[in-house]
Amino acid sequence: MKRLLKQFVFKYVGSQERTLAPTNSHEKYRKSGLTEDEARSIRGKIRKAFEEDKIYRNNTLGLDDLSDHIEDNRYKVSQVINTYFSKNFYSFLNEYRIEEAKYLLVSDPSLSVKAIMYEVGYNSKNSFYSAFKKITGCSPNDYRNAANMEFVGQHEVQLA
């Protein structure tokens, strides 16, 4: 219930930001033994795996694969994602995939939405469209069209 209330508050009151401080809502981790130094190290490895290695592009990626990639305990990795990023693994994964999809939709108009879907790690059109709409509020095609309209509008202003 706390998690649902928290999601509601973030959605309708303010945006949910990634934080370096742990959230207080995870009593289940009270006895886990994860130290602040370990958590900081794992956070850094997770960020590197996603931002530099772009591990999210693997269409079969799961928590075990991430744990193997960063060579750390699966339960501690899960705890860090849940506590320090305030998301579960799949929400975290989808966020990175959709950010990459948004970039590709705008930067490379020659790529089809389906090609982008595969490029960022989705196998299913329904899953991709669902995640995209949940995160952005619109479909990939609408996002691309809106971005192109904004670019055209800015370009016309600069020419005037």
C-alpha atoms as a PDB file:
ATOM      1  CA  MET A   1       0.000   0.000   0.000  1.00  0.00           C
ATOM      2  CA  LYS A   2       2.874   2.368   0.817  1.00  0.00           C
ATOM      3  CA  ARG A   3       4.423   1.718  -2.579  1.00  0.00           C
ATOM      4  CA  LEU A   4       1.137   2.413  -4.365  1.00  0.00           C
ATOM      5  CA  LEU A   5       0.648   5.643  -2.432  1.00  0.00           C
ATOM      6  CA  LYS A   6       4.238   6.679  -3.177  1.00  0.00           C
ATOM      7  CA  GLN A   7       3.767   6.030  -6.918  1.00  0.00           C
ATOM      8  CA  PHE A   8       0.539   8.047  -6.871  1.00  0.00           C
ATOM      9  CA  VAL A   9       2.204  10.966  -5.131  1.00  0.00           C
ATOM     10  CA  PHE A  10       5.169  10.953  -7.536  1.00  0.00           C
ATOM     11  CA  LYS A  11       2.923  10.709 -10.577  1.00  0.00           C
ATOM     12  CA  TYR A  12       0.506  13.459  -9.641  1.00  0.00           C
ATOM     13  CA  VAL A  13       2.483  15.711  -7.302  1.00  0.00           C
ATOM     14  CA  GLY A  14       6.035  15.639  -8.591  1.00  0.00           C
ATOM     15  CA  SER A  15       8.493  13.714 -10.669  1.00  0.00           C
ATOM     16  CA  GLN A  16      10.341  10.770  -9.260  1.00  0.00           C
ATOM     17  CA  GLU A  17      14.070  11.453  -9.298  1.00  0.00           C
ATOM     18  CA  ARG A  18      16.892   9.022  -8.808  1.00  0.00           C
ATOM     19  CA  THR A  19      18.505   9.581  -5.476  1.00  0.00           C
ATOM     20  CA  LEU A  20      21.745   8.729  -3.770  1.00  0.00           C
ATOM     21  CA  ALA A  21      20.037   8.385  -0.416  1.00  0.00           C
ATOM     22  CA  PRO A  22      18.049   5.251   0.333  1.00  0.00           C
ATOM     23  CA  THR A  23      14.297   5.437   0.607  1.00  0.00           C
ATOM     24  CA  ASN A  24      12.788   4.569   3.967  1.00  0.00           C
ATOM     25  CA  SER A  25      10.059   2.348   2.582  1.00  0.00           C
ATOM     26  CA  HIS A  26      12.112  -0.826   2.383  1.00  0.00           C
ATOM     27  CA  GLU A  27      11.914  -2.364   5.840  1.00  0.00           C
ATOM     28  CA  LYS A  28      12.477  -5.784   4.307  1.00  0.00           C
ATOM     29  CA  TYR A  29      16.149  -4.862   3.795  1.00  0.00           C
ATOM     30  CA  ARG A  30      16.738  -3.888   7.419  1.00  0.00           C
ATOM     31  CA  LYS A  31      18.787  -7.035   8.112  1.00  0.00           C
ATOM     32  CA  SER A  32      20.417  -7.464   4.699  1.00  0.00           C
ATOM     33  CA  GLY A  33      23.898  -6.447   5.786  1.00  0.00           C
ATOM     34  CA  LEU A  34      24.465  -4.189   2.791  1.00  0.00           C
ATOM     35  CA  THR A  35      26.805  -1.397   3.838  1.00  0.00           C
ATOM     36  CA  GLU A  36      26.719   2.135   2.461  1.00  0.00           C
ATOM     37  CA  ASP A  37      30.105   1.563   0.783  1.00  0.00           C
ATOM     38  CA  GLU A  38      28.874  -1.626  -0.880  1.00  0.00           C
ATOM     39  CA  ALA A  39      25.711   0.138  -2.019  1.00  0.00           C
ATOM     40  CA  ARG A  40      27.717   3.041  -3.448  1.00  0.00           C
ATOM     41  CA  SER A  41      29.963   0.598  -5.305  1.00  0.00           C
ATOM     42  CA  ILE A  42      27.021  -1.371  -6.687  1.00  0.00           C
ATOM     43  CA  ARG A  43      25.239   1.839  -7.763  1.00  0.00           C
ATOM     44  CA  GLY A  44      28.333   2.853  -9.696  1.00  0.00           C
ATOM     45  CA  LYS A  45      28.582  -0.554 -11.370  1.00  0.00           C
ATOM     46  CA  ILE A  46      24.894  -0.488 -12.302  1.00  0.00           C
ATOM     47  CA  ARG A  47      25.197   2.995 -13.796  1.00  0.00           C
ATOM     48  CA  LYS A  48      28.272   1.939 -15.770  1.00  0.00           C
ATOM     49  CA  ALA A  49      26.514  -1.195 -17.035  1.00  0.00           C
ATOM     50  CA  PHE A  50      23.532   0.827 -18.227  1.00  0.00           C
ATOM     51  CA  GLU A  51      25.083   4.101 -19.340  1.00  0.00           C
ATOM     52  CA  GLU A  52      28.420   2.990 -20.778  1.00  0.00           C
ATOM     53  CA  ASP A  53      27.985  -0.702 -21.590  1.00  0.00           C
ATOM     54  CA  LYS A  54      24.325  -0.206 -22.615  1.00  0.00           C
ATOM     55  CA  ILE A  55      23.485  -3.629 -21.226  1.00  0.00           C
ATOM     56  CA  TYR A  56      19.761  -2.782 -21.481  1.00  0.00           C
ATOM     57  CA  ARG A  57      19.935  -3.418 -25.241  1.00  0.00           C
ATOM     58  CA  ASN A  58      20.099  -7.159 -24.505  1.00  0.00           C
ATOM     59  CA  ASN A  59      16.548  -8.331 -25.169  1.00  0.00           C
ATOM     60  CA  THR A  60      16.798 -11.190 -22.655  1.00  0.00           C
ATOM     61  CA  LEU A  61      18.313  -9.146 -19.840  1.00  0.00           C
ATOM     62  CA  GLY A  62      17.216 -10.109 -16.365  1.00  0.00           C
ATOM     63  CA  LEU A  63      18.393  -9.331 -12.876  1.00  0.00           C
ATOM     64  CA  ASP A  64      20.667 -12.386 -12.882  1.00  0.00           C
ATOM     65  CA  ASP A  65      22.335 -11.181 -16.091  1.00  0.00           C
ATOM     66  CA  LEU A  66      22.944  -7.739 -14.608  1.00  0.00           C
ATOM     67  CA  SER A  67      24.339  -9.308 -11.436  1.00  0.00           C
ATOM     68  CA  ASP A  68      26.663 -11.500 -13.501  1.00  0.00           C
ATOM     69  CA  HIS A  69      27.728  -8.513 -15.611  1.00  0.00           C
ATOM     70  CA  ILE A  70      28.704  -6.392 -12.629  1.00  0.00           C
ATOM     71  CA  GLU A  71      29.927  -9.448 -10.689  1.00  0.00           C
ATOM     72  CA  ASP A  72      27.876  -8.825  -7.583  1.00  0.00           C
ATOM     73  CA  ASN A  73      25.253 -10.596  -5.503  1.00  0.00           C
ATOM     74  CA  ARG A  74      21.822 -10.651  -7.150  1.00  0.00           C
ATOM     75  CA  TYR A  75      19.995  -9.790  -3.924  1.00  0.00           C
ATOM     76  CA  LYS A  76      22.231  -6.826  -3.173  1.00  0.00           C
ATOM     77  CA  VAL A  77      21.823  -5.562  -6.750  1.00  0.00           C
ATOM     78  CA  SER A  78      18.056  -5.835  -6.396  1.00  0.00           C
ATOM     79  CA  GLN A  79      18.177  -4.049  -3.043  1.00  0.00           C
ATOM     80  CA  VAL A  80      20.221  -1.181  -4.480  1.00  0.00           C
ATOM     81  CA  ILE A  81      17.850  -0.726  -7.415  1.00  0.00           C
ATOM     82  CA  ASN A  82      14.774  -0.859  -5.178  1.00  0.00           C
ATOM     83  CA  THR A  83      16.195   1.341  -2.450  1.00  0.00           C
ATOM     84  CA  TYR A  84      18.441   3.861  -4.181  1.00  0.00           C
ATOM     85  CA  PHE A  85      16.629   4.209  -7.489  1.00  0.00           C
ATOM     86  CA  SER A  86      13.121   3.721  -6.010  1.00  0.00           C
ATOM     87  CA  LYS A  87      12.174   1.302  -8.781  1.00  0.00           C
ATOM     88  CA  ASN A  88      12.021  -2.396  -9.384  1.00  0.00           C
ATOM     89  CA  PHE A  89      14.422  -3.918 -11.884  1.00  0.00           C
ATOM     90  CA  TYR A  90      12.031  -3.922 -14.840  1.00  0.00           C
ATOM     91  CA  SER A  91      10.912  -0.321 -14.306  1.00  0.00           C
ATOM     92  CA  PHE A  92      14.564   0.667 -14.133  1.00  0.00           C
ATOM     93  CA  LEU A  93      15.329  -1.309 -17.302  1.00  0.00           C
ATOM     94  CA  ASN A  94      12.364   0.148 -19.199  1.00  0.00           C
ATOM     95  CA  GLU A  95      13.376   3.670 -18.260  1.00  0.00           C
ATOM     96  CA  TYR A  96      16.769   3.268 -19.922  1.00  0.00           C
ATOM     97  CA  ARG A  97      15.311   1.534 -22.962  1.00  0.00           C
ATOM     98  CA  ILE A  98      12.709   4.242 -23.502  1.00  0.00           C
ATOM     99  CA  GLU A  99      15.250   7.058 -23.068  1.00  0.00           C
ATOM    100  CA  GLU A 100      17.365   5.468 -25.798  1.00  0.00           C
ATOM    101  CA  ALA A 101      14.268   4.990 -27.985  1.00  0.00           C
ATOM    102  CA  LYS A 102      13.330   8.670 -27.567  1.00  0.00           C
ATOM    103  CA  TYR A 103      16.818   9.686 -28.622  1.00  0.00           C
ATOM    104  CA  LEU A 104      16.772   7.397 -31.678  1.00  0.00           C
ATOM    105  CA  LEU A 105      13.281   8.496 -32.729  1.00  0.00           C
ATOM    106  CA  VAL A 106      14.429  12.100 -32.923  1.00  0.00           C
ATOM    107  CA  SER A 107      18.027  11.704 -34.054  1.00  0.00           C
ATOM    108  CA  ASP A 108      17.519   9.133 -36.811  1.00  0.00           C
ATOM    109  CA  PRO A 109      14.206   9.594 -38.650  1.00  0.00           C
ATOM    110  CA  SER A 110      15.203   6.973 -41.210  1.00  0.00           C
ATOM    111  CA  LEU A 111      14.896   4.221 -38.577  1.00  0.00           C
ATOM    112  CA  SER A 112      11.481   2.638 -38.313  1.00  0.00           C
ATOM    113  CA  VAL A 113       9.807   2.424 -34.927  1.00  0.00           C
ATOM    114  CA  LYS A 114      10.062  -1.351 -35.177  1.00  0.00           C
ATOM    115  CA  ALA A 115      13.819  -1.179 -35.805  1.00  0.00           C
ATOM    116  CA  ILE A 116      14.210   1.120 -32.805  1.00  0.00           C
ATOM    117  CA  MET A 117      12.130  -1.258 -30.717  1.00  0.00           C
ATOM    118  CA  TYR A 118      14.574  -4.091 -31.449  1.00  0.00           C
ATOM    119  CA  GLU A 119      17.614  -1.828 -31.100  1.00  0.00           C
ATOM    120  CA  VAL A 120      16.754  -0.836 -27.526  1.00  0.00           C
ATOM    121  CA  GLY A 121      16.011  -4.391 -26.379  1.00  0.00           C
ATOM    122  CA  TYR A 122      12.297  -5.087 -26.876  1.00  0.00           C
ATOM    123  CA  ASN A 123      10.969  -8.199 -28.614  1.00  0.00           C
ATOM    124  CA  SER A 124       7.305  -7.276 -28.497  1.00  0.00           C
ATOM    125  CA  LYS A 125       5.606  -4.304 -30.119  1.00  0.00           C
ATOM    126  CA  ASN A 126       2.931  -4.328 -27.407  1.00  0.00           C
ATOM    127  CA  SER A 127       5.500  -4.240 -24.592  1.00  0.00           C
ATOM    128  CA  PHE A 128       7.424  -1.451 -26.297  1.00  0.00           C
ATOM    129  CA  TYR A 129       4.358   0.694 -26.987  1.00  0.00           C
ATOM    130  CA  SER A 130       3.017   0.096 -23.466  1.00  0.00           C
ATOM    131  CA  ALA A 131       6.284   1.061 -21.779  1.00  0.00           C
ATOM    132  CA  PHE A 132       6.769   4.035 -24.098  1.00  0.00           C
ATOM    133  CA  LYS A 133       3.290   5.384 -23.444  1.00  0.00           C
ATOM    134  CA  LYS A 134       3.580   4.802 -19.688  1.00  0.00           C
ATOM    135  CA  ILE A 135       6.829   6.784 -19.511  1.00  0.00           C
ATOM    136  CA  THR A 136       6.189   9.527 -22.082  1.00  0.00           C
ATOM    137  CA  GLY A 137       2.419   9.738 -22.215  1.00  0.00           C
ATOM    138  CA  CYS A 138       2.289   9.207 -25.988  1.00  0.00           C
ATOM    139  CA  SER A 139       3.074   6.627 -28.645  1.00  0.00           C
ATOM    140  CA  PRO A 140       6.506   6.464 -30.320  1.00  0.00           C
ATOM    141  CA  ASN A 141       5.052   7.841 -33.575  1.00  0.00           C
ATOM    142  CA  ASP A 142       3.369  10.728 -31.782  1.00  0.00           C
ATOM    143  CA  TYR A 143       6.597  11.456 -29.923  1.00  0.00           C
ATOM    144  CA  ARG A 144       8.570  11.532 -33.176  1.00  0.00           C
ATOM    145  CA  ASN A 145       5.982  13.757 -34.865  1.00  0.00           C
ATOM    146  CA  ALA A 146       5.887  16.177 -31.934  1.00  0.00           C
ATOM    147  CA  ALA A 147       9.686  16.351 -31.822  1.00  0.00           C
ATOM    148  CA  ASN A 148       9.846  16.998 -35.569  1.00  0.00           C
ATOM    149  CA  MET A 149       7.182  19.710 -35.330  1.00  0.00           C
ATOM    150  CA  GLU A 150       9.125  21.368 -32.530  1.00  0.00           C
ATOM    151  CA  PHE A 151      12.317  21.225 -34.599  1.00  0.00           C
ATOM    152  CA  VAL A 152      10.569  22.697 -37.651  1.00  0.00           C
ATOM    153  CA  GLY A 153       9.061  25.464 -35.484  1.00  0.00           C
ATOM    154  CA  GLN A 154      12.456  26.324 -33.975  1.00  0.00           C
ATOM    155  CA  HIS A 155      14.114  26.225 -37.387  1.00  0.00           C
ATOM    156  CA  GLU A 156      11.539  28.649 -38.853  1.00  0.00           C
ATOM    157  CA  VAL A 157      12.036  31.054 -35.923  1.00  0.00           C
ATOM    158  CA  GLN A 158      15.804  31.030 -36.464  1.00  0.00           C
ATOM    159  CA  LEU A 159      15.402  31.748 -40.189  1.00  0.00           C
ATOM    160  CA  ALA A 160      13.167  34.770 -39.593  1.00  0.00           C
END
